Amino acid sequence: MPIRFSFLSAPWPARWRVLAVLALYAAYLPLSGYTVNQFRFDAAEYWELSLKFTQSGGFSLLAFDTPLRGYLGPLLVLPARLLCHFTGWSMLTGARVLGAGWAAILFGVAVPQLWAQATGRALSGGRWLVLLGLTLIFWRDYFNFTLSDVPALALLLLGLAALSRRGWGWAAVAGLMLAAAINIRPIYLASAPGMLWLLLRKSQPGSGSRPVLWRRGVGLAVGLTLLWLPQLLINLRHFQTPTPLVLARLPGTAPLYLMQLTWGTAFQRYESSLVPEIPRSLVYADSAGQYALLGEPGHRFNSYGQYVQFALHQPVASSGRYLRHLFNGLDIRFPTPYPRQLHPPGQASLRLLNYALLGLGTWLALSTWLKNRRATWKPVAVGTLLALLLPCLLVLPTLMECRFLLPLHLLVLTVVAGTWQPGAWWLGSGTPVRRIAFTVVAVGWLWGCWQLSEATAGQLRPPSEAPQE
């Protein structure tokens, strides 16, 4: 086989993938067009929160006193701050160096490793390059900024990959990674059923299974404890609350997730905006949801029980709202968390490509399930799907941002890049009539997605109407 073909058909070593990602983002990010004065919103908040550890002069983890965020996200920003301090670089440059590193970890290590363990086959070099190209197309400018979404997902995937290995040492490593992901993005606490599934199913069978399970459980608990202990001490010291989890609420206010339930009922979608004529927020209303909220005390939800009762009293409307949020979260109109134009060049092509990939990924997933529904699924695959999909399910009622469904969108891209065989599909698609029918269905799918997206875009409201914490 010629070298060029074996280079694409064989899996690449992790170090090659890491170097390729670093080179790609090192070349792209300086050309992305962002300036220092556009380093704002959550990215700037994380950058500034990293100063909390030194606010009393020396360095101390326990000096972190912000209840809405976990300590680890800002702590991981500190290396970039130190780099900027010693080199004189801007915070945007420091964030780009950090972003390129996280891209290398996520796309060069975490995704390929977990895919290989879940499916039993590694991504070939060619398929991995396709995946890398797709992620660059849709998520490239997120790596300009110190946001929590990519680090948390990368750590979650690394933790799942470690938990999929046998031995208490790997379980301890998994505990560290999973606790880190939950501290950075508390929504990943919903991944716990997938983690427990992997812990139970990956223990060795036989007479020694209980001792192995016990050792792995202890290893996992040790890892979780090491990462969560500082957060417990922070909560005790500053907020007199004995929990190792992020509080995610300001003193005297409702929990952030409960506030998100109100916002998610009143609005369909949200983007942070650098568009000059629409500063701060691109917020899209849900007129039916706003009308329904008029019947609630204070036009908001004051408890989780109240929200559950609200949703159960109107199951059709609530289900429709969740489906719209699912689509809006996967409808990537901008490859950035901070769009600078409402209709940037190439947006139509980006959207159509995304709709095509969403349709193709859905078809591949359904056909795979139908073919293998009677087969025994690999424990790693089941645990991984639970760990990735349950957090996405939990964010559906909230004010939707595309980055909230990053795990699901990345899963779709990985399924397409890892399994689709266009040549074999075309040869096996049958008669010309079937091909024409498929084309008609595909065009209908693209048209329907476009119309749904435009219906949401038509609900754009002024930034003054955006919800406030």
Protein backbone atom coordinates (compact mmCIF):
# COMPACT_ATOMS: atom_id res chain seq x y z
CA MET A 1 0.00 0.00 0.00
CA PRO A 2 1.44 3.43 -0.89
CA ILE A 3 2.69 5.42 2.08
CA ARG A 4 0.21 8.24 1.54
CA PHE A 5 -2.74 5.84 1.85
CA SER A 6 -1.43 4.00 4.88
CA PHE A 7 -0.83 7.38 6.51
CA LEU A 8 -4.55 8.10 6.21
CA SER A 9 -5.89 4.60 6.87
CA ALA A 10 -3.85 3.81 9.98
CA PRO A 11 -4.53 5.45 13.38
CA TRP A 12 -2.11 8.20 14.30
CA PRO A 13 -0.12 8.16 17.54
CA ALA A 14 -1.47 10.60 20.12
CA ARG A 15 1.64 12.79 19.93
CA TRP A 16 1.10 13.33 16.18
CA ARG A 17 -2.50 14.30 16.75
CA VAL A 18 -1.56 16.71 19.53
CA LEU A 19 1.13 18.35 17.41
CA ALA A 20 -1.26 18.65 14.46
CA VAL A 21 -3.93 20.36 16.56
CA LEU A 22 -1.41 22.71 18.17
CA ALA A 23 -0.03 23.66 14.76
CA LEU A 24 -3.51 24.20 13.31
CA TYR A 25 -4.75 26.47 16.09
CA ALA A 26 -1.42 28.28 16.45
CA ALA A 27 -1.77 29.22 12.79
CA TYR A 28 -5.49 30.05 12.89
CA LEU A 29 -6.18 31.86 16.15
CA PRO A 30 -3.93 34.92 15.50
CA LEU A 31 -5.75 35.34 12.17
CA SER A 32 -9.27 35.06 13.63
CA GLY A 33 -9.66 38.83 13.82
CA TYR A 34 -10.45 39.31 17.51
CA THR A 35 -8.86 42.18 19.41
CA VAL A 36 -8.08 42.68 23.09
CA ASN A 37 -11.03 45.02 23.63
CA GLN A 38 -13.34 42.20 22.47
CA PHE A 39 -12.17 39.94 25.31
CA ARG A 40 -15.34 40.37 27.39
CA PHE A 41 -18.27 38.71 29.18
CA ASP A 42 -17.66 35.26 30.73
CA ALA A 43 -14.16 35.02 29.27
CA ALA A 44 -13.08 38.24 30.97
CA GLU A 45 -14.78 37.13 34.18
CA TYR A 46 -12.74 33.90 34.33
CA TRP A 47 -9.57 35.87 33.59
CA GLU A 48 -10.28 38.25 36.47
CA LEU A 49 -11.39 35.49 38.84
CA SER A 50 -7.93 33.96 38.57
CA LEU A 51 -6.71 36.90 40.67
CA LYS A 52 -8.82 35.74 43.60
CA PHE A 53 -6.13 33.29 44.69
CA THR A 54 -3.61 36.10 45.29
CA GLN A 55 -5.91 38.84 46.58
CA SER A 56 -4.40 38.66 50.09
CA GLY A 57 -0.80 38.88 48.86
CA GLY A 58 0.35 35.26 48.70
CA PHE A 59 -1.22 32.38 46.83
CA SER A 60 -4.07 30.49 48.53
CA LEU A 61 -6.76 28.22 47.10
CA LEU A 62 -9.02 29.14 50.00
CA ALA A 63 -8.92 32.83 49.07
CA PHE A 64 -11.35 32.07 46.23
CA ASP A 65 -14.68 33.50 47.42
CA THR A 66 -17.06 33.43 44.45
CA PRO A 67 -20.18 31.27 44.98
CA LEU A 68 -21.28 31.13 41.34
CA ARG A 69 -18.11 29.48 40.02
CA GLY A 70 -15.93 26.59 41.06
CA TYR A 71 -12.33 27.30 41.97
CA LEU A 72 -10.73 25.07 39.33
CA GLY A 73 -11.76 26.95 36.18
CA PRO A 74 -10.08 30.22 37.25
CA LEU A 75 -7.15 28.24 38.67
CA LEU A 76 -6.48 26.72 35.23
CA VAL A 77 -6.34 30.25 33.78
CA LEU A 78 -3.41 31.16 36.07
CA PRO A 79 -0.71 29.67 33.77
CA ALA A 80 -1.88 31.96 30.97
CA ARG A 81 -1.77 34.95 33.32
CA LEU A 82 1.75 34.08 34.39
CA LEU A 83 2.77 33.68 30.75
CA CYS A 84 1.42 37.14 29.97
CA HIS A 85 3.12 38.57 33.08
CA PHE A 86 6.58 37.33 32.09
CA THR A 87 6.28 37.92 28.34
CA GLY A 88 4.26 41.12 28.23
CA TRP A 89 1.70 39.48 25.95
CA SER A 90 -1.94 40.56 26.01
CA MET A 91 -4.58 38.52 27.80
CA LEU A 92 -6.04 37.59 24.39
CA THR A 93 -2.72 36.06 23.35
CA GLY A 94 -2.48 34.21 26.66
CA ALA A 95 -6.01 32.91 26.20
CA ARG A 96 -5.14 31.71 22.70
CA VAL A 97 -2.14 29.76 23.97
CA LEU A 98 -4.38 28.17 26.59
CA GLY A 99 -7.11 27.54 24.02
CA ALA A 100 -4.73 25.80 21.64
CA GLY A 101 -3.64 23.56 24.51
CA TRP A 102 -7.20 22.62 25.38
CA ALA A 103 -7.98 21.98 21.71
CA ALA A 104 -5.02 19.60 21.58
CA ILE A 105 -6.21 17.77 24.69
CA LEU A 106 -9.83 17.54 23.52
CA PHE A 107 -9.35 16.68 19.83
CA GLY A 108 -5.92 15.10 19.97
CA VAL A 109 -6.33 12.89 23.04
CA ALA A 110 -9.74 12.77 24.74
CA VAL A 111 -12.11 12.25 21.80
CA PRO A 112 -9.98 9.69 19.87
CA GLN A 113 -9.16 7.73 23.02
CA LEU A 114 -12.74 7.48 24.25
CA TRP A 115 -14.02 6.66 20.75
CA ALA A 116 -11.54 3.79 20.47
CA GLN A 117 -12.57 2.40 23.86
CA ALA A 118 -16.31 2.79 23.24
CA THR A 119 -16.38 1.30 19.72
CA GLY A 120 -13.44 -1.07 19.87
CA ARG A 121 -11.76 0.54 16.85
CA ALA A 122 -9.51 3.56 16.62
CA LEU A 123 -10.15 6.48 14.29
CA SER A 124 -7.95 6.25 11.21
CA GLY A 125 -5.74 9.20 10.37
CA GLY A 126 -8.04 10.25 7.54
CA ARG A 127 -11.22 10.06 9.59
CA TRP A 128 -9.58 11.94 12.45
CA LEU A 129 -8.52 14.70 10.05
CA VAL A 130 -12.14 14.96 8.84
CA LEU A 131 -13.28 15.29 12.46
CA LEU A 132 -10.63 17.92 13.16
CA GLY A 133 -11.72 19.88 10.10
CA LEU A 134 -15.39 19.77 11.10
CA THR A 135 -14.68 20.92 14.63
CA LEU A 136 -12.61 23.78 13.24
CA ILE A 137 -15.46 24.84 10.98
CA PHE A 138 -18.06 24.96 13.77
CA TRP A 139 -16.17 25.74 17.00
CA ARG A 140 -12.93 27.43 15.99
CA ASP A 141 -13.29 30.81 17.68
CA TYR A 142 -14.23 29.39 21.07
CA PHE A 143 -10.52 28.74 21.56
CA ASN A 144 -9.79 32.48 21.59
CA PHE A 145 -11.41 32.80 25.00
CA THR A 146 -11.08 31.47 28.54
CA LEU A 147 -14.50 29.83 28.73
CA SER A 148 -15.35 26.79 30.83
CA ASP A 149 -17.08 24.60 28.24
CA VAL A 150 -14.10 23.07 26.43
CA PRO A 151 -11.93 22.40 29.53
CA ALA A 152 -14.85 20.80 31.36
CA LEU A 153 -15.77 18.56 28.43
CA ALA A 154 -12.15 17.56 27.83
CA LEU A 155 -11.74 16.58 31.48
CA LEU A 156 -15.04 14.71 31.47
CA LEU A 157 -14.00 12.66 28.42
CA LEU A 158 -10.58 11.94 29.91
CA GLY A 159 -12.28 10.85 33.13
CA LEU A 160 -14.65 8.51 31.28
CA ALA A 161 -11.73 7.06 29.33
CA ALA A 162 -9.80 6.45 32.56
CA LEU A 163 -12.83 4.91 34.28
CA SER A 164 -13.21 2.58 31.30
CA ARG A 165 -9.87 1.00 32.18
CA ARG A 166 -9.45 -1.63 34.87
CA GLY A 167 -7.53 -1.04 38.07
CA TRP A 168 -7.96 1.18 41.09
CA GLY A 169 -5.23 3.56 39.89
CA TRP A 170 -7.18 4.42 36.75
CA ALA A 171 -10.31 4.82 38.89
CA ALA A 172 -8.45 7.37 41.05
CA VAL A 173 -7.36 9.26 37.93
CA ALA A 174 -10.97 9.15 36.71
CA GLY A 175 -12.13 10.58 40.05
CA LEU A 176 -9.75 13.52 39.65
CA MET A 177 -10.86 14.22 36.08
CA LEU A 178 -14.59 13.81 36.73
CA ALA A 179 -14.51 15.93 39.88
CA ALA A 180 -12.65 18.59 37.92
CA ALA A 181 -15.26 18.58 35.15
CA ILE A 182 -18.10 18.92 37.67
CA ASN A 183 -16.33 21.72 39.53
CA ILE A 184 -15.86 23.68 36.30
CA ARG A 185 -19.34 22.91 34.88
CA PRO A 186 -21.70 21.75 37.67
CA ILE A 187 -24.20 20.49 35.08
CA TYR A 188 -21.90 17.49 34.59
CA LEU A 189 -23.10 16.18 37.93
CA ALA A 190 -25.85 14.72 35.74
CA SER A 191 -23.17 12.44 34.26
CA ALA A 192 -23.07 10.47 37.51
CA PRO A 193 -25.26 7.55 36.26
CA GLY A 194 -22.87 7.01 33.34
CA MET A 195 -19.89 7.12 35.69
CA LEU A 196 -21.48 4.58 38.04
CA TRP A 197 -22.35 2.33 35.11
CA LEU A 198 -18.71 2.30 34.01
CA LEU A 199 -17.52 1.70 37.56
CA LEU A 200 -19.80 -1.31 38.01
CA ARG A 201 -19.56 -2.87 34.56
CA LYS A 202 -15.80 -2.52 34.12
CA SER A 203 -14.95 -4.43 37.30
CA GLN A 204 -13.49 -7.83 36.47
CA PRO A 205 -16.01 -10.68 36.47
CA GLY A 206 -15.57 -13.81 38.56
CA SER A 207 -14.99 -14.62 42.18
CA GLY A 208 -12.79 -11.60 42.71
CA SER A 209 -15.26 -9.10 41.32
CA ARG A 210 -16.34 -7.66 44.68
CA PRO A 211 -12.80 -6.88 45.91
CA VAL A 212 -12.00 -5.33 42.51
CA LEU A 213 -15.17 -3.24 42.61
CA TRP A 214 -14.37 -2.16 46.17
CA ARG A 215 -10.84 -1.08 45.23
CA ARG A 216 -12.04 0.78 42.16
CA GLY A 217 -14.76 2.48 44.17
CA VAL A 218 -12.23 3.60 46.78
CA GLY A 219 -9.91 4.86 44.03
CA LEU A 220 -12.73 6.86 42.45
CA ALA A 221 -13.73 8.30 45.84
CA VAL A 222 -10.14 9.31 46.60
CA GLY A 223 -9.86 11.15 43.29
CA LEU A 224 -13.16 12.92 43.82
CA THR A 225 -12.18 13.90 47.36
CA LEU A 226 -8.81 15.36 46.38
CA LEU A 227 -10.39 17.70 43.83
CA TRP A 228 -13.49 18.57 45.85
CA LEU A 229 -11.84 19.12 49.23
CA PRO A 230 -10.70 22.68 48.41
CA GLN A 231 -14.23 23.56 47.26
CA LEU A 232 -15.65 22.17 50.51
CA LEU A 233 -13.21 24.27 52.54
CA ILE A 234 -13.99 27.34 50.43
CA ASN A 235 -17.73 26.88 50.98
CA LEU A 236 -17.25 26.42 54.71
CA ARG A 237 -14.92 29.38 55.06
CA HIS A 238 -16.82 31.96 53.02
CA PHE A 239 -20.42 30.74 52.92
CA GLN A 240 -20.78 28.43 55.96
CA THR A 241 -22.15 25.69 53.72
CA PRO A 242 -20.78 22.13 54.12
CA THR A 243 -20.83 20.91 50.51
CA PRO A 244 -18.02 20.01 48.09
CA LEU A 245 -20.13 21.14 45.14
CA VAL A 246 -20.24 24.60 43.62
CA LEU A 247 -23.07 26.59 45.23
CA ALA A 248 -24.08 28.20 41.89
CA ARG A 249 -26.10 30.89 43.63
CA LEU A 250 -25.54 34.26 45.21
CA PRO A 251 -26.39 34.62 48.90
CA GLY A 252 -30.05 35.47 49.33
CA THR A 253 -30.97 34.69 45.73
CA ALA A 254 -32.48 31.73 43.91
CA PRO A 255 -30.14 29.03 42.50
CA LEU A 256 -28.80 29.87 39.07
CA TYR A 257 -30.40 26.78 37.52
CA LEU A 258 -33.82 27.77 38.87
CA MET A 259 -33.38 31.23 37.36
CA GLN A 260 -32.40 29.55 34.11
CA LEU A 261 -35.71 27.66 34.09
CA THR A 262 -37.58 30.96 34.12
CA TRP A 263 -35.38 32.45 31.41
CA GLY A 264 -35.66 29.30 29.32
CA THR A 265 -39.44 29.53 29.42
CA ALA A 266 -39.49 33.18 28.36
CA PHE A 267 -36.74 32.97 25.71
CA GLN A 268 -35.76 30.41 23.09
CA ARG A 269 -32.10 31.20 22.54
CA TYR A 270 -29.27 33.48 23.65
CA GLU A 271 -25.91 34.65 22.28
CA SER A 272 -23.44 37.11 23.79
CA SER A 273 -23.01 39.84 21.20
CA LEU A 274 -20.20 42.01 19.92
CA VAL A 275 -22.42 43.23 17.07
CA PRO A 276 -22.09 47.05 17.22
CA GLU A 277 -25.76 47.77 16.54
CA ILE A 278 -26.95 45.06 18.98
CA PRO A 279 -24.49 45.21 21.91
CA ARG A 280 -24.23 42.66 24.73
CA SER A 281 -27.02 40.23 23.88
CA LEU A 282 -28.77 38.49 21.02
CA VAL A 283 -31.88 37.21 22.79
CA TYR A 284 -34.79 35.46 21.06
CA ALA A 285 -38.18 35.50 22.75
CA ASP A 286 -40.68 32.70 23.30
CA SER A 287 -44.01 34.51 23.15
CA ALA A 288 -46.05 31.50 24.25
CA GLY A 289 -43.72 30.89 27.19
CA GLN A 290 -43.88 34.53 28.26
CA TYR A 291 -47.67 34.39 28.18
CA ALA A 292 -47.68 31.18 30.24
CA LEU A 293 -45.39 32.80 32.84
CA LEU A 294 -47.99 35.51 33.45
CA GLY A 295 -49.96 32.95 35.43
CA GLU A 296 -47.06 32.24 37.81
CA PRO A 297 -46.48 34.29 41.02
CA GLY A 298 -44.01 37.02 40.23
CA HIS A 299 -43.86 35.76 36.63
CA ARG A 300 -41.07 33.39 37.61
CA PHE A 301 -40.45 30.01 39.24
CA ASN A 302 -39.76 30.21 42.96
CA SER A 303 -39.07 26.49 43.47
CA TYR A 304 -38.28 23.40 41.45
CA GLY A 305 -41.58 21.89 42.51
CA GLN A 306 -43.40 24.87 41.02
CA TYR A 307 -41.60 24.36 37.71
CA VAL A 308 -42.37 20.63 37.64
CA GLN A 309 -46.02 21.37 38.28
CA PHE A 310 -45.98 24.03 35.55
CA ALA A 311 -44.45 21.61 33.02
CA LEU A 312 -46.82 18.75 33.90
CA HIS A 313 -49.89 20.97 33.54
CA GLN A 314 -48.97 21.74 29.93
CA PRO A 315 -47.05 18.69 28.66
CA VAL A 316 -47.52 19.41 24.96
CA ALA A 317 -46.30 23.00 25.22
CA SER A 318 -43.39 22.00 27.45
CA SER A 319 -42.34 19.16 25.14
CA GLY A 320 -42.50 21.49 22.15
CA ARG A 321 -40.37 24.03 24.02
CA TYR A 322 -37.74 21.41 24.81
CA LEU A 323 -37.61 20.28 21.17
CA ARG A 324 -37.17 23.89 20.01
CA HIS A 325 -34.39 24.34 22.55
CA LEU A 326 -32.75 21.14 21.30
CA PHE A 327 -32.80 22.41 17.75
CA ASN A 328 -31.68 25.91 18.72
CA GLY A 329 -28.79 24.50 20.73
CA LEU A 330 -27.61 22.50 17.71
CA ASP A 331 -28.33 25.30 15.21
CA ILE A 332 -24.85 26.82 15.01
CA ARG A 333 -25.20 30.19 13.30
CA PHE A 334 -21.81 31.47 14.48
CA PRO A 335 -18.52 29.55 15.02
CA THR A 336 -17.85 31.78 18.01
CA PRO A 337 -19.30 32.57 21.44
CA TYR A 338 -19.09 36.29 20.65
CA PRO A 339 -20.36 37.09 17.13
CA ARG A 340 -19.27 40.42 15.65
CA GLN A 341 -21.81 40.43 12.83
CA LEU A 342 -25.41 39.28 12.78
CA HIS A 343 -24.97 37.84 9.30
CA PRO A 344 -21.24 37.15 8.78
CA PRO A 345 -19.92 35.96 5.39
CA GLY A 346 -20.43 32.26 4.84
CA GLN A 347 -23.19 31.94 7.45
CA ALA A 348 -25.66 30.32 5.04
CA SER A 349 -23.10 27.67 4.01
CA LEU A 350 -22.23 27.01 7.66
CA ARG A 351 -25.86 26.48 8.55
CA LEU A 352 -26.62 24.21 5.59
CA LEU A 353 -23.56 22.09 6.28
CA ASN A 354 -24.59 21.82 9.92
CA TYR A 355 -28.15 20.77 9.05
CA ALA A 356 -26.80 18.16 6.64
CA LEU A 357 -24.46 16.75 9.28
CA LEU A 358 -27.22 16.72 11.92
CA GLY A 359 -29.47 14.80 9.55
CA LEU A 360 -26.70 12.41 8.54
CA GLY A 361 -25.66 11.83 12.17
CA THR A 362 -29.26 11.15 13.18
CA TRP A 363 -29.69 8.68 10.31
CA LEU A 364 -26.42 6.89 11.13
CA ALA A 365 -27.31 6.64 14.82
CA LEU A 366 -30.81 5.28 14.10
CA SER A 367 -29.60 2.77 11.51
CA THR A 368 -26.86 1.56 13.86
CA TRP A 369 -29.34 1.14 16.69
CA LEU A 370 -31.83 -0.74 14.50
CA LYS A 371 -29.11 -3.10 13.28
CA ASN A 372 -27.72 -3.77 16.75
CA ARG A 373 -30.75 -3.38 19.03
CA ARG A 374 -30.65 -7.09 19.92
CA ALA A 375 -26.89 -7.14 20.42
CA THR A 376 -25.12 -6.52 23.71
CA TRP A 377 -23.74 -3.00 23.72
CA LYS A 378 -20.23 -2.39 25.01
CA PRO A 379 -20.36 -1.08 28.61
CA VAL A 380 -18.05 1.79 27.67
CA ALA A 381 -20.43 2.89 24.91
CA VAL A 382 -23.48 2.80 27.20
CA GLY A 383 -21.71 4.62 30.03
CA THR A 384 -20.30 7.25 27.68
CA LEU A 385 -23.69 7.95 26.09
CA LEU A 386 -25.32 8.30 29.51
CA ALA A 387 -22.58 10.62 30.75
CA LEU A 388 -22.78 12.86 27.68
CA LEU A 389 -26.51 12.91 26.99
CA LEU A 390 -27.93 13.33 30.51
CA PRO A 391 -26.31 16.79 31.03
CA CYS A 392 -27.62 17.83 27.61
CA LEU A 393 -31.09 16.66 28.63
CA LEU A 394 -30.86 18.71 31.82
CA VAL A 395 -30.05 21.95 29.98
CA LEU A 396 -32.98 21.69 27.55
CA PRO A 397 -35.39 23.66 29.80
CA THR A 398 -32.86 26.49 30.29
CA LEU A 399 -32.04 29.59 28.24
CA MET A 400 -30.29 27.83 25.38
CA GLU A 401 -26.82 28.65 24.13
CA CYS A 402 -25.09 26.48 21.53
CA ARG A 403 -22.12 25.83 23.82
CA PHE A 404 -24.47 24.09 26.28
CA LEU A 405 -24.92 21.27 23.74
CA LEU A 406 -21.25 21.03 22.78
CA PRO A 407 -21.11 17.36 23.98
CA LEU A 408 -24.04 16.38 21.76
CA HIS A 409 -22.86 18.29 18.70
CA LEU A 410 -19.35 16.90 19.05
CA LEU A 411 -20.85 13.41 19.38
CA VAL A 412 -22.74 13.91 16.10
CA LEU A 413 -19.60 15.09 14.30
CA THR A 414 -17.61 12.15 15.68
CA VAL A 415 -20.24 9.62 14.60
CA VAL A 416 -20.28 11.06 11.07
CA ALA A 417 -16.49 11.24 10.78
CA GLY A 418 -16.01 7.84 12.38
CA THR A 419 -18.64 5.72 10.63
CA TRP A 420 -19.96 7.21 7.40
CA GLN A 421 -18.81 5.53 4.20
CA PRO A 422 -20.19 7.64 1.34
CA GLY A 423 -18.88 5.35 -1.42
CA ALA A 424 -20.36 2.20 0.09
CA TRP A 425 -23.61 4.03 0.83
CA TRP A 426 -23.96 5.23 -2.76
CA LEU A 427 -23.30 1.79 -4.21
CA GLY A 428 -25.73 0.19 -1.77
CA SER A 429 -28.48 2.78 -2.07
CA GLY A 430 -30.29 0.76 -4.71
CA THR A 431 -32.27 1.94 -7.71
CA PRO A 432 -32.31 5.46 -9.12
CA VAL A 433 -35.83 5.83 -7.74
CA ARG A 434 -34.57 5.25 -4.19
CA ARG A 435 -31.78 7.74 -4.72
CA ILE A 436 -34.23 10.34 -5.97
CA ALA A 437 -36.47 9.67 -2.97
CA PHE A 438 -33.52 10.09 -0.63
CA THR A 439 -32.60 13.37 -2.33
CA VAL A 440 -36.14 14.65 -1.89
CA VAL A 441 -36.09 13.73 1.82
CA ALA A 442 -32.70 15.38 2.26
CA VAL A 443 -33.86 18.59 0.60
CA GLY A 444 -36.98 18.55 2.75
CA TRP A 445 -34.85 18.14 5.89
CA LEU A 446 -32.63 21.09 4.95
CA TRP A 447 -35.66 23.25 4.12
CA GLY A 448 -37.39 22.35 7.39
CA CYS A 449 -34.28 23.10 9.46
CA TRP A 450 -33.82 26.42 7.69
CA GLN A 451 -37.44 27.42 8.33
CA LEU A 452 -37.21 26.49 12.03
CA SER A 453 -34.04 28.55 12.35
CA GLU A 454 -35.59 31.54 10.61
CA ALA A 455 -38.67 31.32 12.84
CA THR A 456 -36.42 31.65 15.89
CA ALA A 457 -34.40 34.45 14.29
CA GLY A 458 -37.63 36.37 13.75
CA GLN A 459 -38.08 36.55 17.53
CA LEU A 460 -34.92 38.65 18.11
CA ARG A 461 -35.48 41.19 20.88
CA PRO A 462 -33.52 44.29 21.97
CA PRO A 463 -30.69 43.68 24.48
CA SER A 464 -32.67 45.62 27.09
CA GLU A 465 -35.08 42.68 27.31
CA ALA A 466 -32.35 40.15 28.03
CA PRO A 467 -32.62 38.41 31.43
CA GLN A 468 -30.33 39.59 34.19
CA GLU A 469 -28.83 37.60 37.07
